[in-house]
Structures are given as structure tokens and as C-alpha cells.
PDB file of N, CA and C in Angstrom:
ATOM      1  N   UNK A   1     -32.837 -25.855 -43.180  1.00  0.00           N
ATOM      2  CA  UNK A   1     -32.091 -26.720 -43.523  1.00  0.00           C
ATOM      3  C   UNK A   1     -30.739 -25.069 -44.013  1.00  0.00           C
ATOM      4  N   UNK A   2     -31.966 -24.370 -44.998  1.00  0.00           N
ATOM      5  CA  UNK A   2     -30.716 -23.453 -44.738  1.00  0.00           C
ATOM      6  C   UNK A   2     -29.458 -22.566 -43.673  1.00  0.00           C
ATOM      7  N   UNK A   3     -30.335 -22.548 -42.897  1.00  0.00           N
ATOM      8  CA  UNK A   3     -29.313 -22.145 -41.336  1.00  0.00           C
ATOM      9  C   UNK A   3     -28.304 -22.489 -40.930  1.00  0.00           C
ATOM     10  N   UNK A   4     -28.821 -24.629 -41.222  1.00  0.00           N
ATOM     11  CA  UNK A   4     -27.844 -25.150 -40.394  1.00  0.00           C
ATOM     12  C   UNK A   4     -26.926 -25.054 -41.397  1.00  0.00           C
ATOM     13  N   UNK A   5     -26.810 -24.956 -42.826  1.00  0.00           N
ATOM     14  CA  UNK A   5     -25.533 -25.005 -43.364  1.00  0.00           C
ATOM     15  C   UNK A   5     -24.705 -23.960 -43.640  1.00  0.00           C
ATOM     16  N   UNK A   6     -25.579 -22.789 -43.229  1.00  0.00           N
ATOM     17  CA  UNK A   6     -25.058 -21.283 -42.873  1.00  0.00           C
ATOM     18  C   UNK A   6     -24.203 -21.488 -41.930  1.00  0.00           C
ATOM     19  N   UNK A   7     -24.992 -22.006 -40.358  1.00  0.00           N
ATOM     20  CA  UNK A   7     -23.945 -22.131 -39.283  1.00  0.00           C
ATOM     21  C   UNK A   7     -22.741 -23.098 -39.309  1.00  0.00           C
ATOM     22  N   UNK A   8     -22.911 -23.998 -40.324  1.00  0.00           N
ATOM     23  CA  UNK A   8     -21.548 -25.116 -40.539  1.00  0.00           C
ATOM     24  C   UNK A   8     -20.517 -24.557 -41.538  1.00  0.00           C
ATOM     25  N   UNK A   9     -20.532 -23.513 -42.321  1.00  0.00           N
ATOM     26  CA  UNK A   9     -20.130 -22.640 -42.832  1.00  0.00           C
ATOM     27  C   UNK A   9     -19.700 -21.936 -41.623  1.00  0.00           C
ATOM     28  N   UNK A  10     -20.210 -21.037 -41.030  1.00  0.00           N
ATOM     29  CA  UNK A  10     -19.152 -19.993 -39.660  1.00  0.00           C
ATOM     30  C   UNK A  10     -18.622 -20.950 -38.816  1.00  0.00           C
ATOM     31  N   UNK A  11     -18.901 -21.882 -38.720  1.00  0.00           N
ATOM     32  CA  UNK A  11     -18.412 -22.778 -38.176  1.00  0.00           C
ATOM     33  C   UNK A  11     -16.596 -23.198 -38.518  1.00  0.00           C
ATOM     34  N   UNK A  12     -17.125 -23.324 -39.688  1.00  0.00           N
ATOM     35  CA  UNK A  12     -15.713 -24.062 -40.450  1.00  0.00           C
ATOM     36  C   UNK A  12     -14.812 -22.698 -40.787  1.00  0.00           C
ATOM     37  N   UNK A  13     -15.291 -21.738 -41.159  1.00  0.00           N
ATOM     38  CA  UNK A  13     -14.333 -20.581 -41.246  1.00  0.00           C
ATOM     39  C   UNK A  13     -14.036 -20.380 -39.726  1.00  0.00           C
ATOM     40  N   UNK A  14     -13.887 -20.186 -38.736  1.00  0.00           N
ATOM     41  CA  UNK A  14     -14.107 -19.939 -37.448  1.00  0.00           C
ATOM     42  C   UNK A  14     -12.885 -20.663 -36.762  1.00  0.00           C
ATOM     43  N   UNK A  15     -12.876 -22.019 -37.584  1.00  0.00           N
ATOM     44  CA  UNK A  15     -11.793 -22.624 -37.393  1.00  0.00           C
ATOM     45  C   UNK A  15     -10.380 -22.688 -38.480  1.00  0.00           C
ATOM     46  N   UNK A  16     -10.868 -22.314 -38.707  1.00  0.00           N
ATOM     47  CA  UNK A  16      -9.268 -21.725 -39.973  1.00  0.00           C
ATOM     48  C   UNK A  16      -8.404 -21.214 -39.747  1.00  0.00           C
ATOM     49  N   UNK A  17      -7.364 -20.759 -40.173  1.00  0.00           N
ATOM     50  CA  UNK A  17      -6.235 -19.985 -40.134  1.00  0.00           C
ATOM     51  C   UNK A  17      -6.398 -18.963 -39.596  1.00  0.00           C
ATOM     52  N   UNK A  18      -7.262 -17.876 -40.292  1.00  0.00           N
ATOM     53  CA  UNK A  18      -7.554 -17.201 -40.206  1.00  0.00           C
ATOM     54  C   UNK A  18      -7.862 -16.519 -38.165  1.00  0.00           C
ATOM     55  N   UNK A  19      -8.728 -17.095 -38.013  1.00  0.00           N
ATOM     56  CA  UNK A  19      -9.622 -16.818 -36.983  1.00  0.00           C
ATOM     57  C   UNK A  19      -8.821 -18.021 -35.841  1.00  0.00           C
ATOM     58  N   UNK A  20      -8.429 -19.202 -35.561  1.00  0.00           N
ATOM     59  CA  UNK A  20      -7.948 -19.967 -34.521  1.00  0.00           C
ATOM     60  C   UNK A  20      -6.004 -19.736 -34.060  1.00  0.00           C
ATOM     61  N   UNK A  21      -5.439 -18.754 -34.492  1.00  0.00           N
ATOM     62  CA  UNK A  21      -4.568 -18.990 -34.585  1.00  0.00           C
ATOM     63  C   UNK A  21      -3.940 -18.336 -33.091  1.00  0.00           C
ATOM     64  N   UNK A  22      -2.557 -18.832 -31.884  1.00  0.00           N
ATOM     65  CA  UNK A  22      -2.237 -18.466 -31.179  1.00  0.00           C
ATOM     66  C   UNK A  22      -1.706 -16.870 -30.969  1.00  0.00           C
ATOM     67  N   UNK A  23      -1.864 -16.712 -29.660  1.00  0.00           N
ATOM     68  CA  UNK A  23      -1.666 -15.318 -29.196  1.00  0.00           C
ATOM     69  C   UNK A  23      -0.235 -15.183 -29.508  1.00  0.00           C
ATOM     70  N   UNK A  24       0.788 -14.342 -29.727  1.00  0.00           N
ATOM     71  CA  UNK A  24       1.929 -14.037 -29.696  1.00  0.00           C
ATOM     72  C   UNK A  24       2.565 -13.407 -28.691  1.00  0.00           C
ATOM     73  N   UNK A  25       3.786 -14.087 -28.039  1.00  0.00           N
ATOM     74  CA  UNK A  25       4.278 -13.931 -26.517  1.00  0.00           C
ATOM     75  C   UNK A  25       3.982 -12.097 -25.932  1.00  0.00           C
ATOM     76  N   UNK A  26       4.626 -11.571 -27.045  1.00  0.00           N
ATOM     77  CA  UNK A  26       3.848 -10.230 -26.463  1.00  0.00           C
ATOM     78  C   UNK A  26       2.938  -9.541 -26.043  1.00  0.00           C
ATOM     79  N   UNK A  27       1.823 -10.362 -26.830  1.00  0.00           N
ATOM     80  CA  UNK A  27       0.442 -10.172 -26.936  1.00  0.00           C
ATOM     81  C   UNK A  27       0.339 -10.451 -25.202  1.00  0.00           C
ATOM     82  N   UNK A  28       0.106 -11.520 -25.414  1.00  0.00           N
ATOM     83  CA  UNK A  28       0.599 -12.285 -23.414  1.00  0.00           C
ATOM     84  C   UNK A  28       0.762 -11.535 -22.301  1.00  0.00           C
ATOM     85  N   UNK A  29       2.014 -11.382 -22.654  1.00  0.00           N
ATOM     86  CA  UNK A  29       3.015 -10.723 -21.872  1.00  0.00           C
ATOM     87  C   UNK A  29       2.709  -9.157 -21.226  1.00  0.00           C
ATOM     88  N   UNK A  30       1.820  -8.608 -22.453  1.00  0.00           N
ATOM     89  CA  UNK A  30       0.934  -7.018 -22.358  1.00  0.00           C
ATOM     90  C   UNK A  30      -0.280  -7.177 -21.527  1.00  0.00           C
ATOM     91  N   UNK A  31      -0.977  -8.621 -21.890  1.00  0.00           N
ATOM     92  CA  UNK A  31      -1.808  -8.639 -21.491  1.00  0.00           C
ATOM     93  C   UNK A  31      -1.940  -9.133 -19.776  1.00  0.00           C
ATOM     94  N   UNK A  32      -0.692  -9.805 -19.512  1.00  0.00           N
ATOM     95  CA  UNK A  32      -0.534 -10.454 -18.162  1.00  0.00           C
ATOM     96  C   UNK A  32      -0.220  -8.728 -16.909  1.00  0.00           C
ATOM     97  N   UNK A  33       1.067  -8.041 -17.988  1.00  0.00           N
ATOM     98  CA  UNK A  33       1.524  -6.805 -17.303  1.00  0.00           C
ATOM     99  C   UNK A  33       0.088  -5.565 -16.646  1.00  0.00           C
ATOM    100  N   UNK A  34      -0.661  -5.853 -18.433  1.00  0.00           N
ATOM    101  CA  UNK A  34      -1.355  -4.794 -17.623  1.00  0.00           C
ATOM    102  C   UNK A  34      -2.498  -5.148 -16.494  1.00  0.00           C
ATOM    103  N   UNK A  35      -2.892  -6.526 -16.762  1.00  0.00           N
ATOM    104  CA  UNK A  35      -3.472  -6.839 -15.458  1.00  0.00           C
ATOM    105  C   UNK A  35      -2.993  -6.636 -13.867  1.00  0.00           C
ATOM    106  N   UNK A  36      -1.711  -7.131 -14.027  1.00  0.00           N
ATOM    107  CA  UNK A  36      -0.731  -7.002 -12.792  1.00  0.00           C
ATOM    108  C   UNK A  36      -1.014  -4.952 -12.636  1.00  0.00           C
ATOM    109  N   UNK A  37      -0.922  -4.821 -13.229  1.00  0.00           N
ATOM    110  CA  UNK A  37      -0.991  -2.913 -13.130  1.00  0.00           C
ATOM    111  C   UNK A  37      -1.896  -2.333 -12.358  1.00  0.00           C
ATOM    112  N   UNK A  38      -2.554  -2.964 -13.205  1.00  0.00           N
ATOM    113  CA  UNK A  38      -4.187  -2.486 -12.742  1.00  0.00           C
ATOM    114  C   UNK A  38      -4.589  -2.750 -11.189  1.00  0.00           C
ATOM    115  N   UNK A  39      -4.323  -3.892 -10.782  1.00  0.00           N
ATOM    116  CA  UNK A  39      -4.649  -4.269  -9.921  1.00  0.00           C
ATOM    117  C   UNK A  39      -3.760  -3.671  -8.809  1.00  0.00           C
ATOM    118  N   UNK A  40      -2.563  -3.548  -8.966  1.00  0.00           N
ATOM    119  CA  UNK A  40      -1.591  -2.874  -8.054  1.00  0.00           C
ATOM    120  C   UNK A  40      -2.692  -1.180  -7.941  1.00  0.00           C
ATOM    121  N   UNK A  41      -2.697  -0.309  -8.818  1.00  0.00           N
ATOM    122  CA  UNK A  41      -3.819   0.169  -8.907  1.00  0.00           C
ATOM    123  C   UNK A  41      -5.160   0.701  -7.388  1.00  0.00           C
ATOM    124  N   UNK A  42      -5.206  -0.587  -8.406  1.00  0.00           N
ATOM    125  CA  UNK A  42      -6.940  -0.842  -7.230  1.00  0.00           C
ATOM    126  C   UNK A  42      -6.312  -1.341  -5.920  1.00  0.00           C
ATOM    127  N   UNK A  43      -5.100  -1.552  -5.421  1.00  0.00           N
ATOM    128  CA  UNK A  43      -4.837  -1.736  -4.155  1.00  0.00           C
ATOM    129  C   UNK A  43      -4.180  -0.473  -3.642  1.00  0.00           C
ATOM    130  N   UNK A  44      -4.053   0.323  -4.318  1.00  0.00           N
ATOM    131  CA  UNK A  44      -3.209   1.944  -3.967  1.00  0.00           C
ATOM    132  C   UNK A  44      -4.562   2.319  -3.813  1.00  0.00           C
ATOM    133  N   UNK A  45      -5.465   3.155  -4.817  1.00  0.00           N
ATOM    134  CA  UNK A  45      -6.979   2.892  -4.361  1.00  0.00           C
ATOM    135  C   UNK A  45      -7.126   3.045  -3.187  1.00  0.00           C
ATOM    136  N   UNK A  46      -7.466   1.371  -2.484  1.00  0.00           N
ATOM    137  CA  UNK A  46      -8.461   0.880  -1.669  1.00  0.00           C
ATOM    138  C   UNK A  46      -7.036   1.131  -0.192  1.00  0.00           C
ATOM    139  N   UNK A  47      -6.145   1.789  -0.507  1.00  0.00           N
ATOM    140  CA  UNK A  47      -5.050   1.828   0.898  1.00  0.00           C
ATOM    141  C   UNK A  47      -5.902   3.692   1.037  1.00  0.00           C
ATOM    142  N   UNK A  48      -5.384   4.715   0.149  1.00  0.00           N
ATOM    143  CA  UNK A  48      -6.245   5.855  -0.225  1.00  0.00           C
ATOM    144  C   UNK A  48      -7.753   5.858   0.890  1.00  0.00           C
ATOM    145  N   UNK A  49      -8.040   4.930   0.765  1.00  0.00           N
ATOM    146  CA  UNK A  49     -10.314   5.069   1.291  1.00  0.00           C
ATOM    147  C   UNK A  49      -9.675   4.887   1.807  1.00  0.00           C
ATOM    148  N   UNK A  50      -9.055   3.907   2.609  1.00  0.00           N
ATOM    149  CA  UNK A  50      -8.821   3.392   4.070  1.00  0.00           C
ATOM    150  C   UNK A  50      -8.354   4.436   4.734  1.00  0.00           C
ATOM    151  N   UNK A  51      -7.799   5.122   4.499  1.00  0.00           N
ATOM    152  CA  UNK A  51      -7.213   6.292   5.285  1.00  0.00           C
ATOM    153  C   UNK A  51      -8.051   7.172   5.337  1.00  0.00           C
ATOM    154  N   UNK A  52      -8.436   7.113   4.157  1.00  0.00           N
ATOM    155  CA  UNK A  52      -9.810   8.755   4.462  1.00  0.00           C
ATOM    156  C   UNK A  52     -10.484   8.323   5.450  1.00  0.00           C
ATOM    157  N   UNK A  53     -11.191   7.073   5.755  1.00  0.00           N
ATOM    158  CA  UNK A  53     -12.032   5.776   7.024  1.00  0.00           C
ATOM    159  C   UNK A  53     -11.886   6.200   7.641  1.00  0.00           C
ATOM    160  N   UNK A  54     -10.253   5.863   8.080  1.00  0.00           N
ATOM    161  CA  UNK A  54      -9.201   6.490   9.076  1.00  0.00           C
ATOM    162  C   UNK A  54     -10.054   7.989   9.916  1.00  0.00           C
ATOM    163  N   UNK A  55      -9.776   8.846   9.086  1.00  0.00           N
ATOM    164  CA  UNK A  55      -9.616   9.889   9.494  1.00  0.00           C
ATOM    165  C   UNK A  55     -10.708  10.457   9.857  1.00  0.00           C
ATOM    166  N   UNK A  56     -12.114   9.624   9.204  1.00  0.00           N
ATOM    167  CA  UNK A  56     -13.234  10.396   9.437  1.00  0.00           C
ATOM    168  C   UNK A  56     -13.530   9.577  10.544  1.00  0.00           C
ATOM    169  N   UNK A  57     -13.109   8.014  10.804  1.00  0.00           N
ATOM    170  CA  UNK A  57     -13.713   7.367  12.576  1.00  0.00           C
ATOM    171  C   UNK A  57     -12.719   8.588  13.307  1.00  0.00           C
ATOM    172  N   UNK A  58     -11.581   8.840  13.365  1.00  0.00           N
ATOM    173  CA  UNK A  58     -10.784   9.840  14.204  1.00  0.00           C
ATOM    174  C   UNK A  58     -12.219  11.150  14.580  1.00  0.00           C
ATOM    175  N   UNK A  59     -11.965  11.297  13.481  1.00  0.00           N
ATOM    176  CA  UNK A  59     -12.756  12.922  13.781  1.00  0.00           C
ATOM    177  C   UNK A  59     -14.742  12.717  14.807  1.00  0.00           C
ATOM    178  N   UNK A  60     -15.160  11.211  14.484  1.00  0.00           N
ATOM    179  CA  UNK A  60     -16.571  11.274  14.785  1.00  0.00           C
ATOM    180  C   UNK A  60     -15.927  10.342  15.972  1.00  0.00           C
ATOM    181  N   UNK A  61     -15.139   9.895  16.481  1.00  0.00           N
ATOM    182  CA  UNK A  61     -14.472   9.251  17.803  1.00  0.00           C
ATOM    183  C   UNK A  61     -14.267  10.872  18.953  1.00  0.00           C
ATOM    184  N   UNK A  62     -13.654  11.568  18.593  1.00  0.00           N
ATOM    185  CA  UNK A  62     -13.508  12.965  19.200  1.00  0.00           C
ATOM    186  C   UNK A  62     -15.043  14.153  18.976  1.00  0.00           C
ATOM    187  N   UNK A  63     -15.151  14.082  20.122  1.00  0.00           N
ATOM    188  CA  UNK A  63     -16.596  15.187  20.175  1.00  0.00           C
ATOM    189  C   UNK A  63     -16.162  16.666  19.809  1.00  0.00           C
ATOM    190  N   UNK A  64     -14.826  16.793  20.617  1.00  0.00           N
ATOM    191  CA  UNK A  64     -14.629  18.628  20.775  1.00  0.00           C
ATOM    192  C   UNK A  64     -13.910  18.963  18.885  1.00  0.00           C
ATOM    193  N   UNK A  65     -13.490  17.762  17.904  1.00  0.00           N
ATOM    194  CA  UNK A  65     -12.754  18.244  17.136  1.00  0.00           C
ATOM    195  C   UNK A  65     -13.920  18.122  15.551  1.00  0.00           C
ATOM    196  N   UNK A  66     -15.045  17.596  15.988  1.00  0.00           N
ATOM    197  CA  UNK A  66     -16.133  17.796  15.224  1.00  0.00           C
ATOM    198  C   UNK A  66     -15.858  18.642  13.730  1.00  0.00           C
ATOM    199  N   UNK A  67     -15.915  18.051  13.021  1.00  0.00           N
ATOM    200  CA  UNK A  67     -15.847  19.471  11.888  1.00  0.00           C
ATOM    201  C   UNK A  67     -17.122  19.456  10.847  1.00  0.00           C
ATOM    202  N   UNK A  68     -16.949  20.167  10.089  1.00  0.00           N
ATOM    203  CA  UNK A  68     -18.984  20.930   9.872  1.00  0.00           C
ATOM    204  C   UNK A  68     -18.551  19.789   9.157  1.00  0.00           C
ATOM    205  N   UNK A  69     -20.159  19.968   9.119  1.00  0.00           N
ATOM    206  CA  UNK A  69     -20.991  18.623   7.983  1.00  0.00           C
ATOM    207  C   UNK A  69     -20.528  18.299   6.611  1.00  0.00           C
ATOM    208  N   UNK A  70     -20.395  19.938   6.281  1.00  0.00           N
ATOM    209  CA  UNK A  70     -19.781  19.611   4.604  1.00  0.00           C
ATOM    210  C   UNK A  70     -19.099  19.462   4.247  1.00  0.00           C
ATOM    211  N   UNK A  71     -17.717  19.561   5.576  1.00  0.00           N
ATOM    212  CA  UNK A  71     -16.509  18.968   5.382  1.00  0.00           C
ATOM    213  C   UNK A  71     -16.624  17.159   5.802  1.00  0.00           C
ATOM    214  N   UNK A  72     -17.234  16.761   6.336  1.00  0.00           N
ATOM    215  CA  UNK A  72     -18.108  15.372   6.566  1.00  0.00           C
ATOM    216  C   UNK A  72     -17.884  14.820   5.615  1.00  0.00           C
ATOM    217  N   UNK A  73     -19.054  15.535   5.121  1.00  0.00           N
ATOM    218  CA  UNK A  73     -20.074  14.831   3.521  1.00  0.00           C
ATOM    219  C   UNK A  73     -18.428  14.909   2.479  1.00  0.00           C
ATOM    220  N   UNK A  74     -17.970  15.651   2.322  1.00  0.00           N
ATOM    221  CA  UNK A  74     -17.057  15.923   1.032  1.00  0.00           C
ATOM    222  C   UNK A  74     -16.013  14.680   1.390  1.00  0.00           C
ATOM    223  N   UNK A  75     -15.251  14.160   2.827  1.00  0.00           N
ATOM    224  CA  UNK A  75     -14.205  13.087   2.808  1.00  0.00           C
ATOM    225  C   UNK A  75     -15.535  11.876   2.423  1.00  0.00           C
ATOM    226  N   UNK A  76     -16.468  11.658   3.181  1.00  0.00           N
ATOM    227  CA  UNK A  76     -17.301  11.085   2.574  1.00  0.00           C
ATOM    228  C   UNK A  76     -17.594  10.858   1.106  1.00  0.00           C
ATOM    229  N   UNK A  77     -17.587  11.237   0.136  1.00  0.00           N
ATOM    230  CA  UNK A  77     -17.463  11.421  -0.908  1.00  0.00           C
ATOM    231  C   UNK A  77     -16.533  11.040  -1.696  1.00  0.00           C
ATOM    232  N   UNK A  78     -15.102  11.503  -0.937  1.00  0.00           N
ATOM    233  CA  UNK A  78     -14.143  11.312  -1.425  1.00  0.00           C
ATOM    234  C   UNK A  78     -13.761   9.687  -1.206  1.00  0.00           C
ATOM    235  N   UNK A  79     -14.213   9.185  -0.256  1.00  0.00           N
ATOM    236  CA  UNK A  79     -14.609   8.133   0.006  1.00  0.00           C
ATOM    237  C   UNK A  79     -15.140   6.901  -1.258  1.00  0.00           C
ATOM    238  N   UNK A  80     -16.212   7.846  -1.281  1.00  0.00           N
ATOM    239  CA  UNK A  80     -17.160   6.657  -2.033  1.00  0.00           C
ATOM    240  C   UNK A  80     -15.758   6.929  -3.682  1.00  0.00           C
ATOM    241  N   UNK A  81     -15.892   7.967  -3.922  1.00  0.00           N
ATOM    242  CA  UNK A  81     -14.862   8.038  -5.476  1.00  0.00           C
ATOM    243  C   UNK A  81     -13.920   6.816  -5.352  1.00  0.00           C
ATOM    244  N   UNK A  82     -12.831   7.047  -4.199  1.00  0.00           N
ATOM    245  CA  UNK A  82     -11.676   6.404  -4.813  1.00  0.00           C
ATOM    246  C   UNK A  82     -12.370   4.744  -4.512  1.00  0.00           C
ATOM    247  N   UNK A  83     -13.267   4.342  -3.585  1.00  0.00           N
ATOM    248  CA  UNK A  83     -14.116   3.140  -3.558  1.00  0.00           C
ATOM    249  C   UNK A  83     -14.731   2.886  -5.993  1.00  0.00           C
ATOM    250  N   UNK A  84     -15.280   3.500  -5.700  1.00  0.00           N
ATOM    251  CA  UNK A  84     -15.685   3.031  -7.380  1.00  0.00           C
ATOM    252  C   UNK A  84     -14.423   3.024  -8.305  1.00  0.00           C
ATOM    253  N   UNK A  85     -13.850   3.626  -7.975  1.00  0.00           N
ATOM    254  CA  UNK A  85     -12.249   3.942  -9.186  1.00  0.00           C
ATOM    255  C   UNK A  85     -11.624   2.380  -8.466  1.00  0.00           C
ATOM    256  N   UNK A  86     -11.661   1.980  -7.349  1.00  0.00           N
ATOM    257  CA  UNK A  86     -11.089   0.787  -7.336  1.00  0.00           C
ATOM    258  C   UNK A  86     -11.520  -0.117  -7.978  1.00  0.00           C
ATOM    259  N   UNK A  87     -13.066  -0.203  -7.986  1.00  0.00           N
ATOM    260  CA  UNK A  87     -13.926  -1.423  -8.741  1.00  0.00           C
ATOM    261  C   UNK A  87     -13.562  -0.696 -10.308  1.00  0.00           C
ATOM    262  N   UNK A  88     -13.467  -0.755 -10.819  1.00  0.00           N
ATOM    263  CA  UNK A  88     -13.469   0.002 -12.100  1.00  0.00           C
ATOM    264  C   UNK A  88     -12.409  -0.760 -12.384  1.00  0.00           C
ATOM    265  N   UNK A  89     -11.320  -0.925 -11.850  1.00  0.00           N
ATOM    266  CA  UNK A  89     -10.030  -1.048 -12.055  1.00  0.00           C
ATOM    267  C   UNK A  89      -9.479  -2.898 -11.804  1.00  0.00           C
ATOM    268  N   UNK A  90     -10.392  -3.075 -10.671  1.00  0.00           N
ATOM    269  CA  UNK A  90     -10.516  -4.196 -10.268  1.00  0.00           C
ATOM    270  C   UNK A  90     -11.001  -4.950 -11.549  1.00  0.00           C
ATOM    271  N   UNK A  91     -12.627  -4.563 -12.060  1.00  0.00           N
ATOM    272  CA  UNK A  91     -13.185  -5.042 -13.072  1.00  0.00           C
ATOM    273  C   UNK A  91     -11.876  -5.013 -14.379  1.00  0.00           C
ATOM    274  N   UNK A  92     -11.302  -4.048 -14.685  1.00  0.00           N
ATOM    275  CA  UNK A  92     -10.703  -3.838 -15.805  1.00  0.00           C
ATOM    276  C   UNK A  92      -9.610  -5.108 -15.974  1.00  0.00           C
ATOM    277  N   UNK A  93      -9.183  -5.414 -14.765  1.00  0.00           N
ATOM    278  CA  UNK A  93      -7.943  -6.566 -14.401  1.00  0.00           C
ATOM    279  C   UNK A  93      -8.506  -7.746 -14.748  1.00  0.00           C
ATOM    280  N   UNK A  94      -9.855  -7.983 -14.505  1.00  0.00           N
ATOM    281  CA  UNK A  94     -10.560  -9.160 -14.368  1.00  0.00           C
ATOM    282  C   UNK A  94     -10.134  -9.490 -15.759  1.00  0.00           C
ATOM    283  N   UNK A  95     -10.864  -8.650 -16.522  1.00  0.00           N
ATOM    284  CA  UNK A  95     -10.851  -8.846 -17.815  1.00  0.00           C
ATOM    285  C   UNK A  95      -9.497  -9.171 -19.238  1.00  0.00           C
ATOM    286  N   UNK A  96      -8.251  -8.302 -18.340  1.00  0.00           N
ATOM    287  CA  UNK A  96      -7.206  -8.802 -18.998  1.00  0.00           C
ATOM    288  C   UNK A  96      -6.848 -10.265 -18.758  1.00  0.00           C
ATOM    289  N   UNK A  97      -6.859 -10.020 -17.557  1.00  0.00           N
ATOM    290  CA  UNK A  97      -7.036 -11.428 -16.695  1.00  0.00           C
ATOM    291  C   UNK A  97      -7.449 -12.860 -17.522  1.00  0.00           C
ATOM    292  N   UNK A  98      -8.419 -12.345 -17.383  1.00  0.00           N
ATOM    293  CA  UNK A  98      -9.411 -13.757 -18.605  1.00  0.00           C
ATOM    294  C   UNK A  98      -8.905 -13.611 -19.487  1.00  0.00           C
ATOM    295  N   UNK A  99      -8.623 -12.909 -20.305  1.00  0.00           N
ATOM    296  CA  UNK A  99      -8.373 -13.129 -22.049  1.00  0.00           C
ATOM    297  C   UNK A  99      -6.908 -13.671 -22.472  1.00  0.00           C
ATOM    298  N   UNK A 100      -6.098 -13.264 -20.908  1.00  0.00           N
ATOM    299  CA  UNK A 100      -4.924 -13.670 -21.073  1.00  0.00           C
ATOM    300  C   UNK A 100      -5.001 -15.557 -20.936  1.00  0.00           C
ATOM    301  N   UNK A 101      -5.397 -15.663 -19.834  1.00  0.00           N
ATOM    302  CA  UNK A 101      -5.590 -17.175 -19.647  1.00  0.00           C
ATOM    303  C   UNK A 101      -6.430 -17.603 -20.722  1.00  0.00           C
ATOM    304  N   UNK A 102      -7.785 -16.895 -21.882  1.00  0.00           N
ATOM    305  CA  UNK A 102      -8.073 -18.078 -22.790  1.00  0.00           C
ATOM    306  C   UNK A 102      -7.110 -18.197 -23.614  1.00  0.00           C
ATOM    307  N   UNK A 103      -6.146 -17.256 -24.045  1.00  0.00           N
ATOM    308  CA  UNK A 103      -5.638 -16.916 -25.328  1.00  0.00           C
ATOM    309  C   UNK A 103      -4.177 -17.253 -24.860  1.00  0.00           C
ATOM    310  N   UNK A 104      -3.825 -17.811 -23.624  1.00  0.00           N
ATOM    311  CA  UNK A 104      -2.261 -17.445 -23.217  1.00  0.00           C
ATOM    312  C   UNK A 104      -1.985 -18.734 -22.555  1.00  0.00           C
ATOM    313  N   UNK A 105      -2.989 -19.396 -21.747  1.00  0.00           N
ATOM    314  CA  UNK A 105      -2.530 -20.391 -20.755  1.00  0.00           C
ATOM    315  C   UNK A 105      -2.419 -21.496 -20.979  1.00  0.00           C
TER     316      UNK A 105
END
């Protein structure tokens, strides 16, 4: 019974003025701008990663100009790094977008 009463009190407190007010327009705008900027950055990372991959493909297609193994590994590591960064930016943008949707939509 004590747990039920505590749960009811907490539920009532969370529906009060202190916890359930709407987000300001500035906050909503900031969340939206932040999500858009992160997606633009992720798109740029993807573009660079694709360029690295195309360069590697050209090297592998031309057997006369094959670079040393270390250089090919370096290009692949660079590609993986850009893809990892892209994923991080997309994930962060998703969090901002979901928060915007919950508070402002």
C-alpha cells in the first residue's frame, strides 16, 4: 500500500507546474537547428568516405599503380573512421530530433 501511495504522489508531482510545462520557442528552434546541422555534417562525412572508397577502387582496378599495403590499409582505416564519425553524428541528430518531436511538435 505504501508503494502505491508513493507512486501516486510522484505521478501527481510530475503532472504539476514544475515538470510539465511546454518548451520555449527558443529551445524548440535550437533543437531543430542542432539536428539539421548534425545531419549536414553526417552527409559531409559520408561524401568524404565515398571519395576515399572510390579512390581505393581505382587503385585496385589499375594493377600497375598498386600502392604499398600500408597505404591501402591507411585508406581503409580512414574510410572506417569517417563512417564511424558519420554514424555518431546521425545518432546524435536522431536524439535531438526525437526530443524536438516530444517537446515541440
